[in-house]
Amino acid sequence: MRVEVHPPSACRRLDSLALEADGRACVGTLDRGGITVIDPATGLAGFVPVPGDTHATNLCFGGPGLRRADATQSHAGRRVGIDWPRPGLRLHERPAR
């Protein structure tokens, strides 16, 4: 299956990913400063801005119920955490089928 994340006229660079418990892929999005969320079941993609920097990288989930998305902001040189609407997976954990 091929998922197009964006129209060709809106080129984005992607960096690192983490998975949600339901299988959605969350990808650090460079140049826009946020997280692109791709649903493999529908092929639809959404975007969650992460204010403060144009380069969100190195995603992972943590906090109670794994409902906090953590990322680094590579230009600002800091880690940020934002509340996330769905639980993520721990690193190296596989989604339920």
PDB file of N, CA and C in Angstrom:
ATOM      1  N   MET A   1       0.839  -1.168   0.000  1.00  0.00           N
ATOM      2  CA  MET A   1       0.000   0.000   0.000  1.00  0.00           C
ATOM      3  C   MET A   1       0.890   1.239   0.000  1.00  0.00           C
ATOM      4  N   ARG A   2       0.513   2.220  -0.797  1.00  0.00           N
ATOM      5  CA  ARG A   2       1.241   3.489  -0.836  1.00  0.00           C
ATOM      6  C   ARG A   2       0.375   4.563  -0.193  1.00  0.00           C
ATOM      7  N   VAL A   3       0.958   5.288   0.753  1.00  0.00           N
ATOM      8  CA  VAL A   3       0.250   6.385   1.410  1.00  0.00           C
ATOM      9  C   VAL A   3       0.951   7.673   1.030  1.00  0.00           C
ATOM     10  N   GLU A   4       0.232   8.602   0.422  1.00  0.00           N
ATOM     11  CA  GLU A   4       0.804   9.906   0.118  1.00  0.00           C
ATOM     12  C   GLU A   4       0.491  10.836   1.273  1.00  0.00           C
ATOM     13  N   VAL A   5       1.537  11.327   1.902  1.00  0.00           N
ATOM     14  CA  VAL A   5       1.389  12.120   3.105  1.00  0.00           C
ATOM     15  C   VAL A   5       1.006  13.561   2.787  1.00  0.00           C
ATOM     16  N   HIS A   6       1.368  14.050   1.645  1.00  0.00           N
ATOM     17  CA  HIS A   6       1.141  15.457   1.318  1.00  0.00           C
ATOM     18  C   HIS A   6       1.036  15.614  -0.188  1.00  0.00           C
ATOM     19  N   PRO A   7       0.411  16.669  -0.645  1.00  0.00           N
ATOM     20  CA  PRO A   7       0.412  16.930  -2.073  1.00  0.00           C
ATOM     21  C   PRO A   7       1.818  17.316  -2.526  1.00  0.00           C
ATOM     22  N   PRO A   8       2.197  17.012  -3.755  1.00  0.00           N
ATOM     23  CA  PRO A   8       3.562  17.308  -4.216  1.00  0.00           C
ATOM     24  C   PRO A   8       3.964  18.771  -4.055  1.00  0.00           C
ATOM     25  N   SER A   9       3.026  19.691  -4.130  1.00  0.00           N
ATOM     26  CA  SER A   9       3.367  21.111  -4.016  1.00  0.00           C
ATOM     27  C   SER A   9       3.682  21.529  -2.580  1.00  0.00           C
ATOM     28  N   ALA A  10       3.445  20.675  -1.621  1.00  0.00           N
ATOM     29  CA  ALA A  10       3.683  21.009  -0.218  1.00  0.00           C
ATOM     30  C   ALA A  10       4.732  20.080   0.380  1.00  0.00           C
ATOM     31  N   CYS A  11       5.887  20.025  -0.247  1.00  0.00           N
ATOM     32  CA  CYS A  11       6.949  19.103   0.159  1.00  0.00           C
ATOM     33  C   CYS A  11       7.297  19.270   1.632  1.00  0.00           C
ATOM     34  N   ARG A  12       7.430  18.158   2.315  1.00  0.00           N
ATOM     35  CA  ARG A  12       7.817  18.130   3.721  1.00  0.00           C
ATOM     36  C   ARG A  12       8.934  17.099   3.890  1.00  0.00           C
ATOM     37  N   ARG A  13       9.784  17.342   4.837  1.00  0.00           N
ATOM     38  CA  ARG A  13      10.801  16.354   5.162  1.00  0.00           C
ATOM     39  C   ARG A  13      10.381  15.692   6.464  1.00  0.00           C
ATOM     40  N   LEU A  14      10.545  14.377   6.527  1.00  0.00           N
ATOM     41  CA  LEU A  14      10.107  13.607   7.691  1.00  0.00           C
ATOM     42  C   LEU A  14      11.315  13.020   8.400  1.00  0.00           C
ATOM     43  N   ASP A  15      11.203  12.868   9.739  1.00  0.00           N
ATOM     44  CA  ASP A  15      12.309  12.371  10.531  1.00  0.00           C
ATOM     45  C   ASP A  15      11.761  11.576  11.702  1.00  0.00           C
ATOM     46  N   SER A  16      12.182  10.370  11.846  1.00  0.00           N
ATOM     47  CA  SER A  16      11.855   9.475  12.953  1.00  0.00           C
ATOM     48  C   SER A  16      10.355   9.244  13.098  1.00  0.00           C
ATOM     49  N   LEU A  17      10.015   8.113  13.679  1.00  0.00           N
ATOM     50  CA  LEU A  17       8.593   7.848  13.891  1.00  0.00           C
ATOM     51  C   LEU A  17       8.396   7.023  15.140  1.00  0.00           C
ATOM     52  N   ALA A  18       7.171   7.103  15.639  1.00  0.00           N
ATOM     53  CA  ALA A  18       6.713   6.290  16.766  1.00  0.00           C
ATOM     54  C   ALA A  18       5.320   5.808  16.391  1.00  0.00           C
ATOM     55  N   LEU A  19       4.924   4.679  16.928  1.00  0.00           N
ATOM     56  CA  LEU A  19       3.611   4.129  16.613  1.00  0.00           C
ATOM     57  C   LEU A  19       2.636   4.318  17.761  1.00  0.00           C
ATOM     58  N   GLU A  20       1.391   4.585  17.391  1.00  0.00           N
ATOM     59  CA  GLU A  20       0.318   4.577  18.371  1.00  0.00           C
ATOM     60  C   GLU A  20      -0.122   3.131  18.581  1.00  0.00           C
ATOM     61  N   ALA A  21      -0.809   2.858  19.674  1.00  0.00           N
ATOM     62  CA  ALA A  21      -1.240   1.500  19.995  1.00  0.00           C
ATOM     63  C   ALA A  21      -2.146   0.916  18.920  1.00  0.00           C
ATOM     64  N   ASP A  22      -2.895   1.768  18.201  1.00  0.00           N
ATOM     65  CA  ASP A  22      -3.792   1.272  17.158  1.00  0.00           C
ATOM     66  C   ASP A  22      -3.123   1.144  15.796  1.00  0.00           C
ATOM     67  N   GLY A  23      -1.820   1.441  15.710  1.00  0.00           N
ATOM     68  CA  GLY A  23      -1.076   1.258  14.468  1.00  0.00           C
ATOM     69  C   GLY A  23      -0.819   2.518  13.668  1.00  0.00           C
ATOM     70  N   ARG A  24      -1.377   3.649  14.073  1.00  0.00           N
ATOM     71  CA  ARG A  24      -1.075   4.893  13.358  1.00  0.00           C
ATOM     72  C   ARG A  24       0.409   5.211  13.524  1.00  0.00           C
ATOM     73  N   ALA A  25       1.007   5.740  12.467  1.00  0.00           N
ATOM     74  CA  ALA A  25       2.403   6.164  12.505  1.00  0.00           C
ATOM     75  C   ALA A  25       2.465   7.661  12.751  1.00  0.00           C
ATOM     76  N   CYS A  26       3.260   8.052  13.723  1.00  0.00           N
ATOM     77  CA  CYS A  26       3.462   9.461  14.049  1.00  0.00           C
ATOM     78  C   CYS A  26       4.897   9.797  13.660  1.00  0.00           C
ATOM     79  N   VAL A  27       5.048  10.789  12.791  1.00  0.00           N
ATOM     80  CA  VAL A  27       6.355  11.070  12.193  1.00  0.00           C
ATOM     81  C   VAL A  27       6.746  12.521  12.454  1.00  0.00           C
ATOM     82  N   GLY A  28       7.955  12.719  12.993  1.00  0.00           N
ATOM     83  CA  GLY A  28       8.474  14.070  13.178  1.00  0.00           C
ATOM     84  C   GLY A  28       8.560  14.757  11.821  1.00  0.00           C
ATOM     85  N   THR A  29       8.068  15.982  11.756  1.00  0.00           N
ATOM     86  CA  THR A  29       7.983  16.684  10.483  1.00  0.00           C
ATOM     87  C   THR A  29       8.872  17.923  10.515  1.00  0.00           C
ATOM     88  N   LEU A  30       9.852  17.897   9.643  1.00  0.00           N
ATOM     89  CA  LEU A  30      10.800  18.997   9.552  1.00  0.00           C
ATOM     90  C   LEU A  30      10.212  20.113   8.700  1.00  0.00           C
ATOM     91  N   ASP A  31      10.684  21.299   8.901  1.00  0.00           N
ATOM     92  CA  ASP A  31      10.289  22.505   8.172  1.00  0.00           C
ATOM     93  C   ASP A  31       8.920  23.032   8.587  1.00  0.00           C
ATOM     94  N   ARG A  32       8.044  22.200   9.144  1.00  0.00           N
ATOM     95  CA  ARG A  32       6.744  22.669   9.635  1.00  0.00           C
ATOM     96  C   ARG A  32       6.686  22.676  11.149  1.00  0.00           C
ATOM     97  N   GLY A  33       7.549  21.908  11.798  1.00  0.00           N
ATOM     98  CA  GLY A  33       7.572  21.897  13.258  1.00  0.00           C
ATOM     99  C   GLY A  33       6.383  21.214  13.883  1.00  0.00           C
ATOM    100  N   GLY A  34       6.253  19.934  13.647  1.00  0.00           N
ATOM    101  CA  GLY A  34       5.149  19.203  14.237  1.00  0.00           C
ATOM    102  C   GLY A  34       5.237  17.723  13.961  1.00  0.00           C
ATOM    103  N   ILE A  35       4.105  17.051  14.109  1.00  0.00           N
ATOM    104  CA  ILE A  35       4.028  15.599  13.966  1.00  0.00           C
ATOM    105  C   ILE A  35       2.957  15.269  12.930  1.00  0.00           C
ATOM    106  N   THR A  36       3.350  14.555  11.887  1.00  0.00           N
ATOM    107  CA  THR A  36       2.410  14.056  10.896  1.00  0.00           C
ATOM    108  C   THR A  36       1.916  12.706  11.375  1.00  0.00           C
ATOM    109  N   VAL A  37       0.604  12.497  11.385  1.00  0.00           N
ATOM    110  CA  VAL A  37      -0.003  11.251  11.847  1.00  0.00           C
ATOM    111  C   VAL A  37      -0.635  10.566  10.641  1.00  0.00           C
ATOM    112  N   ILE A  38      -0.189   9.334  10.362  1.00  0.00           N
ATOM    113  CA  ILE A  38      -0.657   8.588   9.192  1.00  0.00           C
ATOM    114  C   ILE A  38      -1.444   7.370   9.652  1.00  0.00           C
ATOM    115  N   ASP A  39      -2.671   7.246   9.176  1.00  0.00           N
ATOM    116  CA  ASP A  39      -3.516   6.092   9.483  1.00  0.00           C
ATOM    117  C   ASP A  39      -3.381   5.083   8.352  1.00  0.00           C
ATOM    118  N   PRO A  40      -2.715   3.942   8.593  1.00  0.00           N
ATOM    119  CA  PRO A  40      -2.505   2.980   7.513  1.00  0.00           C
ATOM    120  C   PRO A  40      -3.797   2.336   7.015  1.00  0.00           C
ATOM    121  N   ALA A  41      -4.839   2.338   7.837  1.00  0.00           N
ATOM    122  CA  ALA A  41      -6.107   1.726   7.425  1.00  0.00           C
ATOM    123  C   ALA A  41      -6.822   2.562   6.373  1.00  0.00           C
ATOM    124  N   THR A  42      -6.677   3.887   6.457  1.00  0.00           N
ATOM    125  CA  THR A  42      -7.394   4.766   5.533  1.00  0.00           C
ATOM    126  C   THR A  42      -6.481   5.495   4.567  1.00  0.00           C
ATOM    127  N   GLY A  43      -5.196   5.563   4.889  1.00  0.00           N
ATOM    128  CA  GLY A  43      -4.260   6.325   4.075  1.00  0.00           C
ATOM    129  C   GLY A  43      -4.317   7.816   4.352  1.00  0.00           C
ATOM    130  N   LEU A  44      -5.148   8.241   5.296  1.00  0.00           N
ATOM    131  CA  LEU A  44      -5.274   9.661   5.601  1.00  0.00           C
ATOM    132  C   LEU A  44      -4.159  10.110   6.542  1.00  0.00           C
ATOM    133  N   ALA A  45      -3.755  11.351   6.372  1.00  0.00           N
ATOM    134  CA  ALA A  45      -2.723  11.920   7.226  1.00  0.00           C
ATOM    135  C   ALA A  45      -3.225  13.206   7.840  1.00  0.00           C
ATOM    136  N   GLY A  46      -2.827  13.437   9.083  1.00  0.00           N
ATOM    137  CA  GLY A  46      -3.137  14.679   9.769  1.00  0.00           C
ATOM    138  C   GLY A  46      -1.851  15.295  10.275  1.00  0.00           C
ATOM    139  N   PHE A  47      -1.954  16.478  10.837  1.00  0.00           N
ATOM    140  CA  PHE A  47      -0.765  17.176  11.319  1.00  0.00           C
ATOM    141  C   PHE A  47      -1.061  17.817  12.667  1.00  0.00           C
ATOM    142  N   VAL A  48      -0.145  17.628  13.626  1.00  0.00           N
ATOM    143  CA  VAL A  48      -0.243  18.237  14.953  1.00  0.00           C
ATOM    144  C   VAL A  48       0.960  19.161  15.116  1.00  0.00           C
ATOM    145  N   PRO A  49       0.746  20.471  15.172  1.00  0.00           N
ATOM    146  CA  PRO A  49       1.882  21.384  15.342  1.00  0.00           C
ATOM    147  C   PRO A  49       2.499  21.263  16.734  1.00  0.00           C
ATOM    148  N   VAL A  50       3.808  21.414  16.789  1.00  0.00           N
ATOM    149  CA  VAL A  50       4.541  21.463  18.055  1.00  0.00           C
ATOM    150  C   VAL A  50       5.242  22.820  18.083  1.00  0.00           C
ATOM    151  N   PRO A  51       4.673  23.805  18.766  1.00  0.00           N
ATOM    152  CA  PRO A  51       5.206  25.169  18.735  1.00  0.00           C
ATOM    153  C   PRO A  51       6.629  25.263  19.281  1.00  0.00           C
ATOM    154  N   GLY A  52       7.379  26.237  18.759  1.00  0.00           N
ATOM    155  CA  GLY A  52       8.681  26.540  19.322  1.00  0.00           C
ATOM    156  C   GLY A  52       9.861  26.220  18.439  1.00  0.00           C
ATOM    157  N   ASP A  53       9.667  25.468  17.361  1.00  0.00           N
ATOM    158  CA  ASP A  53      10.788  25.103  16.496  1.00  0.00           C
ATOM    159  C   ASP A  53      10.228  24.540  15.199  1.00  0.00           C
ATOM    160  N   THR A  54      11.014  24.611  14.148  1.00  0.00           N
ATOM    161  CA  THR A  54      10.574  24.084  12.854  1.00  0.00           C
ATOM    162  C   THR A  54      10.960  22.635  12.625  1.00  0.00           C
ATOM    163  N   HIS A  55      11.706  22.033  13.549  1.00  0.00           N
ATOM    164  CA  HIS A  55      12.195  20.668  13.337  1.00  0.00           C
ATOM    165  C   HIS A  55      11.877  19.769  14.535  1.00  0.00           C
ATOM    166  N   ALA A  56      10.791  19.013  14.453  1.00  0.00           N
ATOM    167  CA  ALA A  56      10.439  18.023  15.482  1.00  0.00           C
ATOM    168  C   ALA A  56      11.058  16.683  15.079  1.00  0.00           C
ATOM    169  N   THR A  57      11.850  16.109  15.970  1.00  0.00           N
ATOM    170  CA  THR A  57      12.557  14.863  15.672  1.00  0.00           C
ATOM    171  C   THR A  57      12.488  13.916  16.870  1.00  0.00           C
ATOM    172  N   ASN A  58      12.943  12.685  16.666  1.00  0.00           N
ATOM    173  CA  ASN A  58      13.134  11.705  17.740  1.00  0.00           C
ATOM    174  C   ASN A  58      11.896  11.510  18.607  1.00  0.00           C
ATOM    175  N   LEU A  59      10.816  11.061  18.005  1.00  0.00           N
ATOM    176  CA  LEU A  59       9.550  10.879  18.713  1.00  0.00           C
ATOM    177  C   LEU A  59       9.539   9.628  19.569  1.00  0.00           C
ATOM    178  N   CYS A  60       8.832   9.712  20.694  1.00  0.00           N
ATOM    179  CA  CYS A  60       8.520   8.548  21.512  1.00  0.00           C
ATOM    180  C   CYS A  60       7.314   8.899  22.378  1.00  0.00           C
ATOM    181  N   PHE A  61       6.709   7.881  22.964  1.00  0.00           N
ATOM    182  CA  PHE A  61       5.567   8.091  23.845  1.00  0.00           C
ATOM    183  C   PHE A  61       5.959   7.757  25.271  1.00  0.00           C
ATOM    184  N   GLY A  62       5.401   8.493  26.221  1.00  0.00           N
ATOM    185  CA  GLY A  62       5.679   8.259  27.628  1.00  0.00           C
ATOM    186  C   GLY A  62       4.535   8.774  28.477  1.00  0.00           C
ATOM    187  N   GLY A  63       4.800   8.880  29.769  1.00  0.00           N
ATOM    188  CA  GLY A  63       3.793   9.384  30.695  1.00  0.00           C
ATOM    189  C   GLY A  63       2.733   8.346  31.015  1.00  0.00           C
ATOM    190  N   PRO A  64       1.776   8.713  31.863  1.00  0.00           N
ATOM    191  CA  PRO A  64       0.705   7.791  32.243  1.00  0.00           C
ATOM    192  C   PRO A  64      -0.083   7.318  31.024  1.00  0.00           C
ATOM    193  N   GLY A  65      -0.184   6.024  30.874  1.00  0.00           N
ATOM    194  CA  GLY A  65      -0.929   5.449  29.764  1.00  0.00           C
ATOM    195  C   GLY A  65      -0.303   5.700  28.408  1.00  0.00           C
ATOM    196  N   LEU A  66       0.960   6.128  28.398  1.00  0.00           N
ATOM    197  CA  LEU A  66       1.674   6.445  27.151  1.00  0.00           C
ATOM    198  C   LEU A  66       0.900   7.452  26.303  1.00  0.00           C
ATOM    199  N   ARG A  67       0.343   8.474  26.970  1.00  0.00           N
ATOM    200  CA  ARG A  67      -0.459   9.493  26.276  1.00  0.00           C
ATOM    201  C   ARG A  67       0.236  10.857  26.263  1.00  0.00           C
ATOM    202  N   ARG A  68       1.564  10.824  26.256  1.00  0.00           N
ATOM    203  CA  ARG A  68       2.350  12.040  26.054  1.00  0.00           C
ATOM    204  C   ARG A  68       3.329  11.750  24.921  1.00  0.00           C
ATOM    205  N   ALA A  69       3.332  12.609  23.913  1.00  0.00           N
ATOM    206  CA  ALA A  69       4.307  12.492  22.830  1.00  0.00           C
ATOM    207  C   ALA A  69       5.500  13.365  23.187  1.00  0.00           C
ATOM    208  N   ASP A  70       6.665  12.775  23.199  1.00  0.00           N
ATOM    209  CA  ASP A  70       7.898  13.508  23.453  1.00  0.00           C
ATOM    210  C   ASP A  70       8.677  13.601  22.155  1.00  0.00           C
ATOM    211  N   ALA A  71       9.295  14.747  21.943  1.00  0.00           N
ATOM    212  CA  ALA A  71      10.108  14.960  20.744  1.00  0.00           C
ATOM    213  C   ALA A  71      11.243  15.898  21.097  1.00  0.00           C
ATOM    214  N   THR A  72      12.276  15.877  20.284  1.00  0.00           N
ATOM    215  CA  THR A  72      13.308  16.897  20.404  1.00  0.00           C
ATOM    216  C   THR A  72      13.034  17.959  19.358  1.00  0.00           C
ATOM    217  N   GLN A  73      13.440  19.159  19.663  1.00  0.00           N
ATOM    218  CA  GLN A  73      13.359  20.253  18.702  1.00  0.00           C
ATOM    219  C   GLN A  73      14.803  20.585  18.343  1.00  0.00           C
ATOM    220  N   SER A  74      15.214  20.180  17.147  1.00  0.00           N
ATOM    221  CA  SER A  74      16.637  20.187  16.839  1.00  0.00           C
ATOM    222  C   SER A  74      17.242  21.576  16.675  1.00  0.00           C
ATOM    223  N   HIS A  75      16.483  22.560  16.228  1.00  0.00           N
ATOM    224  CA  HIS A  75      17.059  23.910  16.143  1.00  0.00           C
ATOM    225  C   HIS A  75      17.146  24.554  17.518  1.00  0.00           C
ATOM    226  N   ALA A  76      16.138  24.387  18.331  1.00  0.00           N
ATOM    227  CA  ALA A  76      16.124  24.998  19.665  1.00  0.00           C
ATOM    228  C   ALA A  76      16.972  24.214  20.666  1.00  0.00           C
ATOM    229  N   GLY A  77      17.230  22.936  20.378  1.00  0.00           N
ATOM    230  CA  GLY A  77      18.039  22.117  21.265  1.00  0.00           C
ATOM    231  C   GLY A  77      17.347  21.763  22.569  1.00  0.00           C
ATOM    232  N   ARG A  78      16.072  21.386  22.481  1.00  0.00           N
ATOM    233  CA  ARG A  78      15.353  21.013  23.704  1.00  0.00           C
ATOM    234  C   ARG A  78      14.402  19.851  23.434  1.00  0.00           C
ATOM    235  N   ARG A  79      13.938  19.246  24.539  1.00  0.00           N
ATOM    236  CA  ARG A  79      12.927  18.194  24.484  1.00  0.00           C
ATOM    237  C   ARG A  79      11.603  18.814  24.876  1.00  0.00           C
ATOM    238  N   VAL A  80      10.547  18.409  24.182  1.00  0.00           N
ATOM    239  CA  VAL A  80       9.209  18.882  24.515  1.00  0.00           C
ATOM    240  C   VAL A  80       8.287  17.681  24.657  1.00  0.00           C
ATOM    241  N   GLY A  81       7.276  17.829  25.482  1.00  0.00           N
ATOM    242  CA  GLY A  81       6.253  16.803  25.639  1.00  0.00           C
ATOM    243  C   GLY A  81       4.887  17.450  25.460  1.00  0.00           C
ATOM    244  N   ILE A  82       4.019  16.800  24.692  1.00  0.00           N
ATOM    245  CA  ILE A  82       2.665  17.324  24.526  1.00  0.00           C
ATOM    246  C   ILE A  82       1.668  16.205  24.825  1.00  0.00           C
ATOM    247  N   ASP A  83       0.528  16.592  25.391  1.00  0.00           N
ATOM    248  CA  ASP A  83      -0.525  15.610  25.632  1.00  0.00           C
ATOM    249  C   ASP A  83      -0.972  15.044  24.302  1.00  0.00           C
ATOM    250  N   TRP A  84      -1.221  13.726  24.265  1.00  0.00           N
ATOM    251  CA  TRP A  84      -1.590  13.048  23.026  1.00  0.00           C
ATOM    252  C   TRP A  84      -2.968  12.415  23.201  1.00  0.00           C
ATOM    253  N   PRO A  85      -3.825  12.460  22.171  1.00  0.00           N
ATOM    254  CA  PRO A  85      -5.203  11.989  22.332  1.00  0.00           C
ATOM    255  C   PRO A  85      -5.368  10.476  22.397  1.00  0.00           C
ATOM    256  N   ARG A  86      -4.373   9.744  21.950  1.00  0.00           N
ATOM    257  CA  ARG A  86      -4.454   8.273  21.935  1.00  0.00           C
ATOM    258  C   ARG A  86      -3.171   7.704  22.530  1.00  0.00           C
ATOM    259  N   PRO A  87      -3.220   6.502  23.089  1.00  0.00           N
ATOM    260  CA  PRO A  87      -1.989   5.915  23.642  1.00  0.00           C
ATOM    261  C   PRO A  87      -1.022   5.500  22.545  1.00  0.00           C
ATOM    262  N   GLY A  88       0.249   5.663  22.864  1.00  0.00           N
ATOM    263  CA  GLY A  88       1.299   5.215  21.955  1.00  0.00           C
ATOM    264  C   GLY A  88       1.827   3.863  22.381  1.00  0.00           C
ATOM    265  N   LEU A  89       2.844   3.432  21.691  1.00  0.00           N
ATOM    266  CA  LEU A  89       3.540   2.196  22.051  1.00  0.00           C
ATOM    267  C   LEU A  89       4.896   2.533  22.639  1.00  0.00           C
ATOM    268  N   ARG A  90       5.343   1.682  23.560  1.00  0.00           N
ATOM    269  CA  ARG A  90       6.716   1.806  24.035  1.00  0.00           C
ATOM    270  C   ARG A  90       7.640   1.445  22.875  1.00  0.00           C
ATOM    271  N   LEU A  91       8.867   1.914  22.951  1.00  0.00           N
ATOM    272  CA  LEU A  91       9.833   1.532  21.923  1.00  0.00           C
ATOM    273  C   LEU A  91       9.944   0.016  21.863  1.00  0.00           C
ATOM    274  N   HIS A  92       9.982  -0.527  20.682  1.00  0.00           N
ATOM    275  CA  HIS A  92      10.124  -1.960  20.421  1.00  0.00           C
ATOM    276  C   HIS A  92       8.887  -2.777  20.769  1.00  0.00           C
ATOM    277  N   GLU A  93       7.743  -2.133  20.947  1.00  0.00           N
ATOM    278  CA  GLU A  93       6.491  -2.845  21.200  1.00  0.00           C
ATOM    279  C   GLU A  93       5.714  -2.905  19.888  1.00  0.00           C
ATOM    280  N   ARG A  94       5.058  -4.034  19.631  1.00  0.00           N
ATOM    281  CA  ARG A  94       4.297  -4.180  18.386  1.00  0.00           C
ATOM    282  C   ARG A  94       2.820  -3.853  18.610  1.00  0.00           C
ATOM    283  N   PRO A  95       2.180  -3.234  17.588  1.00  0.00           N
ATOM    284  CA  PRO A  95       0.752  -2.940  17.737  1.00  0.00           C
ATOM    285  C   PRO A  95      -0.077  -4.200  17.799  1.00  0.00           C
ATOM    286  N   ALA A  96      -1.221  -4.135  18.480  1.00  0.00           N
ATOM    287  CA  ALA A  96      -2.153  -5.279  18.531  1.00  0.00           C
ATOM    288  C   ALA A  96      -2.753  -5.488  17.151  1.00  0.00           C
ATOM    289  N   ARG A  97      -3.015  -6.722  16.828  1.00  0.00           N
ATOM    290  CA  ARG A  97      -3.620  -7.027  15.521  1.00  0.00           C
ATOM    291  C   ARG A  97      -5.032  -7.510  15.707  1.00  0.00           C
TER     292      ARG A  97
END
